[in-house]
Amino acid sequence: MSAVTTPAPGGAPVRASQRVVARRRRGPQRALGALRAVLIVIVCAVIALPIVWMIAAAFKTNVQVTDPTVGLAFSPTWDNFRGVLADGALAQSLGNSLLIGVVSTALSIVIAVPAAWAVGRFRMRRTGSVVLVARIIPAISLLVPWYYMFAQLGLVGSHLVLILSHMFVSVPLILWIMIGFFEGLPVELEDAARTDGLSAFGAFLRIALPLAAPGTASAAVLAFIFSWNNFIFALILADERTMTMPVLLFNFMSYASTDWGGLMAAATLMTVPVLLAAVFGQRYLVAGLTAGATKG
């Protein structure tokens, strides 16, 4: 015999009331979702519009750039890019920025990642706080003593002085990103490796460092972007031979006039490497910046 189930008394009214409550909840949720979508569109527009204007201005003449009536409907010209690329200063500045950014980031990673592991594993918070002071101090307040010191050593105008100055900011940045990442890794894995005969530093190299690769990649991307965009260090400590891209852009502006078309063309070319680094390192950036957020 098959069992026959009878609905409980009042079951239909209860289900109907539940549907009414669910419909009432969906109304505010839909309104909140629509408001969130509008805010996202506004934020994206605020971020994207300056970039769109910069790219459009790179294909305009100086007269069109300064004319507010000329929007996106214009006849594009490649003269700005031809003039910028024909000048050897752009290629030289691009090479200087790449060299300084890559070397300073690599050296900062070599110094800061083991230091972050030591601070995170051995709870050396005071040491980490001391290093953080270097990140808090305004860099512009250090330029005068740096210039005097490096001038006495004969290093002003060299690539080395720019690499060292960028490392002064990149090392604390990488250190504090990686501390949270190493603290989020299970210490039992390193303990097991040390039980098998590895030293503490050997466990770091064999176990912790490979697991921290996403955080290291995100820290490297952020440090490179800082180095690529830094202006004040190169303005004071570099010369024409070691001039970087931000200083080159600054040279498009003069007291008498400004070459807006050439400036926007050079700025567009300067933006491409940073955008590529951000696009390809996006998932690592998210992983690194949220490291330790759910710890504990």
Protein backbone atom coordinates (compact mmCIF):
# COMPACT_ATOMS: atom_id res chain seq x y z
CA MET A 1 0.00 0.00 0.00
CA SER A 2 1.20 3.46 -0.78
CA ALA A 3 1.22 5.95 2.00
CA VAL A 4 -1.20 8.83 1.63
CA THR A 5 -0.09 12.17 3.01
CA THR A 6 -2.55 14.85 3.85
CA PRO A 7 -1.55 18.47 4.01
CA ALA A 8 -1.39 19.94 7.46
CA PRO A 9 -4.22 22.25 8.38
CA GLY A 10 -3.43 25.79 7.36
CA GLY A 11 -0.52 24.70 5.12
CA ALA A 12 -1.72 26.60 2.03
CA PRO A 13 -2.18 29.94 3.85
CA VAL A 14 1.31 29.56 5.39
CA ARG A 15 2.92 29.02 1.98
CA ALA A 16 0.98 31.95 0.55
CA SER A 17 2.19 34.23 3.33
CA GLN A 18 5.76 33.06 2.75
CA ARG A 19 5.47 33.96 -0.94
CA VAL A 20 4.16 37.40 -0.03
CA VAL A 21 7.09 37.96 2.33
CA ALA A 22 9.55 36.78 -0.35
CA ARG A 23 8.02 39.20 -2.89
CA ARG A 24 8.29 42.04 -0.40
CA ARG A 25 11.96 41.23 0.17
CA ARG A 26 12.72 41.04 -3.53
CA GLY A 27 11.48 44.60 -4.07
CA PRO A 28 14.16 46.31 -1.89
CA GLN A 29 16.78 43.88 -3.16
CA ARG A 30 16.04 44.80 -6.77
CA ALA A 31 16.13 48.50 -5.94
CA LEU A 32 19.45 48.02 -4.13
CA GLY A 33 20.82 46.07 -7.09
CA ALA A 34 19.74 48.80 -9.52
CA LEU A 35 21.33 51.48 -7.32
CA ARG A 36 24.54 49.45 -7.15
CA ALA A 37 24.62 49.11 -10.93
CA VAL A 38 24.12 52.87 -11.39
CA LEU A 39 26.93 53.64 -8.93
CA ILE A 40 29.25 51.18 -10.71
CA VAL A 41 28.52 52.84 -14.06
CA ILE A 42 29.20 56.30 -12.58
CA VAL A 43 32.48 55.21 -10.99
CA CYS A 44 33.63 53.48 -14.21
CA ALA A 45 32.72 56.59 -16.22
CA VAL A 46 34.66 58.87 -13.86
CA ILE A 47 37.71 56.59 -14.17
CA ALA A 48 37.43 55.95 -17.92
CA LEU A 49 36.60 59.43 -19.19
CA PRO A 50 40.04 60.97 -18.50
CA ILE A 51 41.71 58.00 -20.22
CA VAL A 52 39.36 58.31 -23.23
CA TRP A 53 40.05 62.06 -23.39
CA MET A 54 43.80 61.47 -23.24
CA ILE A 55 43.72 58.91 -26.07
CA ALA A 56 41.45 61.13 -28.18
CA ALA A 57 43.66 64.19 -27.58
CA ALA A 58 46.68 62.19 -28.75
CA PHE A 59 45.09 62.12 -32.24
CA LYS A 60 44.18 65.83 -32.28
CA THR A 61 46.08 68.93 -33.19
CA ASN A 62 46.90 71.48 -30.51
CA VAL A 63 44.12 73.71 -31.77
CA GLN A 64 41.58 70.90 -31.52
CA VAL A 65 42.75 69.92 -28.04
CA THR A 66 42.21 73.43 -26.68
CA ASP A 67 38.88 73.87 -28.49
CA PRO A 68 36.05 72.77 -26.13
CA THR A 69 33.63 72.41 -29.04
CA VAL A 70 35.68 69.57 -30.55
CA GLY A 71 34.61 66.34 -28.91
CA LEU A 72 35.08 62.85 -30.31
CA ALA A 73 33.96 63.85 -33.81
CA PHE A 74 37.20 64.93 -35.47
CA SER A 75 39.65 63.83 -38.13
CA PRO A 76 42.43 61.92 -36.34
CA THR A 77 46.06 62.58 -37.11
CA TRP A 78 49.16 60.52 -36.42
CA ASP A 79 51.48 63.52 -36.44
CA ASN A 80 51.76 63.60 -32.63
CA PHE A 81 52.92 59.98 -32.47
CA ARG A 82 55.28 60.47 -35.42
CA GLY A 83 56.85 63.51 -33.76
CA VAL A 84 57.21 61.77 -30.39
CA LEU A 85 58.63 58.55 -31.83
CA ALA A 86 61.00 60.42 -34.12
CA ASP A 87 62.59 62.07 -31.10
CA GLY A 88 65.19 59.77 -29.57
CA ALA A 89 64.42 61.10 -26.09
CA LEU A 90 61.27 58.96 -25.86
CA ALA A 91 63.07 55.67 -26.51
CA GLN A 92 65.84 56.63 -24.09
CA SER A 93 63.37 57.64 -21.35
CA LEU A 94 61.34 54.48 -21.93
CA GLY A 95 64.46 52.35 -21.55
CA ASN A 96 65.46 54.23 -18.38
CA SER A 97 62.03 53.72 -16.83
CA LEU A 98 62.04 50.00 -17.67
CA LEU A 99 65.56 49.52 -16.34
CA ILE A 100 64.96 51.40 -13.09
CA GLY A 101 61.54 49.85 -12.54
CA VAL A 102 62.60 46.24 -13.18
CA VAL A 103 65.88 46.40 -11.23
CA SER A 104 64.46 48.30 -8.24
CA THR A 105 61.46 45.94 -8.07
CA ALA A 106 63.64 42.81 -8.32
CA LEU A 107 66.06 43.99 -5.63
CA SER A 108 63.16 45.05 -3.40
CA ILE A 109 61.59 41.60 -3.76
CA VAL A 110 64.89 39.90 -2.84
CA ILE A 111 65.18 42.03 0.32
CA ALA A 112 61.58 42.45 1.42
CA VAL A 113 60.10 38.96 0.90
CA PRO A 114 62.50 37.10 3.27
CA ALA A 115 62.16 40.00 5.74
CA ALA A 116 58.36 39.75 5.58
CA TRP A 117 58.54 36.00 6.21
CA ALA A 118 60.78 36.55 9.25
CA VAL A 119 58.52 39.29 10.64
CA GLY A 120 55.39 37.21 10.09
CA ARG A 121 56.75 33.90 11.39
CA PHE A 122 58.74 35.17 14.37
CA ARG A 123 56.32 37.97 15.33
CA MET A 124 58.90 40.76 15.00
CA ARG A 125 56.28 43.47 14.91
CA ARG A 126 58.58 46.17 16.25
CA THR A 127 61.00 45.60 13.40
CA GLY A 128 58.17 45.78 10.92
CA SER A 129 56.93 49.02 12.47
CA VAL A 130 60.38 50.57 12.14
CA VAL A 131 60.46 49.68 8.44
CA LEU A 132 56.96 51.08 8.03
CA VAL A 133 58.24 54.48 9.15
CA ALA A 134 60.12 54.71 5.86
CA ARG A 135 56.79 54.31 4.06
CA ILE A 136 55.11 56.99 6.16
CA ILE A 137 57.80 59.67 5.81
CA PRO A 138 57.06 61.96 2.82
CA ALA A 139 59.62 61.20 0.16
CA ILE A 140 59.99 64.86 -0.76
CA SER A 141 61.39 65.60 2.71
CA LEU A 142 64.31 63.26 1.97
CA LEU A 143 65.30 64.69 -1.40
CA VAL A 144 67.56 67.47 -0.07
CA PRO A 145 69.68 65.18 2.18
CA TRP A 146 69.65 62.50 -0.52
CA TYR A 147 70.85 64.96 -3.14
CA TYR A 148 73.64 66.21 -0.91
CA MET A 149 74.72 62.70 0.08
CA PHE A 150 74.64 61.26 -3.44
CA ALA A 151 76.34 64.37 -4.84
CA GLN A 152 79.23 63.81 -2.45
CA LEU A 153 79.46 60.24 -3.73
CA GLY A 154 79.26 61.35 -7.36
CA LEU A 155 76.10 59.34 -8.03
CA VAL A 156 73.65 62.11 -8.95
CA GLY A 157 72.47 61.58 -12.51
CA SER A 158 73.13 57.83 -12.49
CA HIS A 159 70.73 54.92 -12.70
CA LEU A 160 71.97 53.64 -9.35
CA VAL A 161 70.74 56.64 -7.39
CA LEU A 162 67.24 56.28 -8.87
CA ILE A 163 67.16 52.55 -8.17
CA LEU A 164 68.16 53.11 -4.54
CA SER A 165 65.66 55.91 -4.04
CA HIS A 166 62.83 53.81 -5.48
CA MET A 167 63.81 50.89 -3.27
CA PHE A 168 63.43 53.13 -0.22
CA VAL A 169 59.69 53.15 -0.90
CA SER A 170 59.25 49.75 -2.60
CA VAL A 171 60.84 47.68 0.19
CA PRO A 172 58.37 48.80 2.93
CA LEU A 173 55.47 48.46 0.48
CA ILE A 174 56.36 44.87 -0.43
CA LEU A 175 57.18 44.05 3.18
CA TRP A 176 53.75 44.99 4.49
CA ILE A 177 51.92 43.26 1.68
CA MET A 178 53.83 40.03 2.22
CA ILE A 179 53.57 39.99 6.04
CA GLY A 180 49.83 39.39 5.83
CA PHE A 181 50.34 36.79 3.12
CA PHE A 182 52.86 34.75 5.11
CA GLU A 183 50.72 34.98 8.24
CA GLY A 184 47.86 33.47 6.25
CA LEU A 185 49.91 30.39 5.30
CA PRO A 186 49.65 27.33 7.59
CA VAL A 187 52.75 27.11 9.74
CA GLU A 188 52.30 23.33 10.04
CA LEU A 189 53.70 22.85 6.52
CA GLU A 190 56.97 24.52 7.48
CA ASP A 191 57.08 22.60 10.77
CA ALA A 192 56.73 19.34 8.85
CA ALA A 193 59.55 20.39 6.51
CA ARG A 194 61.81 21.21 9.44
CA THR A 195 60.98 17.83 10.97
CA ASP A 196 62.24 16.24 7.74
CA GLY A 197 65.59 17.95 8.21
CA LEU A 198 65.27 21.35 6.54
CA SER A 199 66.46 24.49 8.28
CA ALA A 200 64.11 27.40 8.94
CA PHE A 201 65.37 29.27 5.89
CA GLY A 202 65.25 26.05 3.86
CA ALA A 203 61.59 25.65 4.79
CA PHE A 204 61.03 29.21 3.64
CA LEU A 205 62.66 28.54 0.25
CA ARG A 206 61.06 25.13 -0.34
CA ILE A 207 57.61 25.62 1.20
CA ALA A 208 56.61 29.19 2.05
CA LEU A 209 58.06 30.99 -0.95
CA PRO A 210 56.30 28.87 -3.63
CA LEU A 211 53.00 29.17 -1.74
CA ALA A 212 53.46 32.95 -1.52
CA ALA A 213 53.97 33.34 -5.28
CA PRO A 214 50.62 35.13 -5.85
CA GLY A 215 51.39 37.63 -3.10
CA THR A 216 54.91 38.15 -4.42
CA ALA A 217 53.55 38.78 -7.92
CA SER A 218 51.02 41.32 -6.65
CA ALA A 219 53.67 43.12 -4.59
CA ALA A 220 55.99 43.18 -7.60
CA VAL A 221 53.29 44.67 -9.84
CA LEU A 222 52.49 47.40 -7.32
CA ALA A 223 56.17 48.22 -6.77
CA PHE A 224 56.78 48.39 -10.53
CA ILE A 225 53.79 50.69 -11.03
CA PHE A 226 55.11 53.00 -8.30
CA SER A 227 58.55 53.09 -9.88
CA TRP A 228 57.14 53.63 -13.37
CA ASN A 229 54.97 56.56 -12.29
CA ASN A 230 57.41 58.21 -9.89
CA PHE A 231 58.20 61.76 -10.90
CA ILE A 232 59.81 63.71 -8.08
CA PHE A 233 62.83 61.42 -7.58
CA ALA A 234 63.83 61.51 -11.25
CA LEU A 235 63.18 65.24 -11.49
CA ILE A 236 65.77 65.99 -8.79
CA LEU A 237 68.23 63.09 -8.97
CA ALA A 238 68.37 62.33 -12.72
CA ASP A 239 69.87 64.17 -15.65
CA GLU A 240 69.18 64.17 -19.41
CA ARG A 241 70.94 60.81 -19.80
CA THR A 242 68.88 59.04 -17.09
CA MET A 243 65.59 60.94 -17.54
CA THR A 244 62.49 58.77 -17.05
CA MET A 245 59.10 58.95 -18.76
CA PRO A 246 57.32 61.18 -16.20
CA VAL A 247 60.09 63.78 -16.50
CA LEU A 248 59.90 63.55 -20.29
CA LEU A 249 56.18 64.34 -20.11
CA PHE A 250 56.92 67.30 -17.87
CA ASN A 251 59.29 68.68 -20.52
CA PHE A 252 56.40 69.02 -22.98
CA MET A 253 55.16 71.91 -20.84
CA SER A 254 56.98 75.22 -20.93
CA TYR A 255 56.39 78.77 -19.73
CA ALA A 256 55.37 80.03 -23.15
CA SER A 257 53.30 77.15 -24.50
CA THR A 258 52.46 73.48 -24.11
CA ASP A 259 52.54 70.84 -26.82
CA TRP A 260 49.27 69.20 -25.78
CA GLY A 261 49.14 66.79 -28.70
CA GLY A 262 52.67 65.53 -28.15
CA LEU A 263 52.09 65.39 -24.41
CA MET A 264 48.97 63.25 -24.79
CA ALA A 265 50.67 60.98 -27.33
CA ALA A 266 53.63 60.41 -25.01
CA ALA A 267 51.27 59.91 -22.04
CA THR A 268 49.34 57.30 -24.02
CA LEU A 269 52.53 55.41 -24.83
CA MET A 270 53.61 55.64 -21.20
CA THR A 271 50.27 54.24 -19.99
CA VAL A 272 50.43 51.08 -22.12
CA PRO A 273 53.04 49.14 -20.03
CA VAL A 274 51.22 49.93 -16.79
CA LEU A 275 47.89 48.84 -18.21
CA LEU A 276 49.41 45.60 -19.46
CA ALA A 277 50.97 44.94 -16.04
CA ALA A 278 47.64 45.63 -14.33
CA VAL A 279 45.64 43.44 -16.75
CA PHE A 280 47.96 40.42 -16.63
CA GLY A 281 48.56 40.78 -12.87
CA GLN A 282 44.95 41.48 -11.93
CA ARG A 283 44.24 38.18 -10.20
CA TYR A 284 47.53 38.38 -8.32
CA LEU A 285 46.75 41.95 -7.26
CA VAL A 286 43.41 40.87 -5.80
CA ALA A 287 44.99 37.89 -4.03
CA GLY A 288 47.80 39.99 -2.60
CA LEU A 289 45.69 42.93 -1.45
CA THR A 290 43.15 40.65 0.29
CA ALA A 291 45.78 38.42 1.89
CA GLY A 292 45.14 38.03 5.58
CA ALA A 293 41.68 39.64 5.38
CA THR A 294 39.97 36.41 6.45
CA LYS A 295 42.76 35.18 8.68
CA GLY A 296 41.57 33.92 12.07
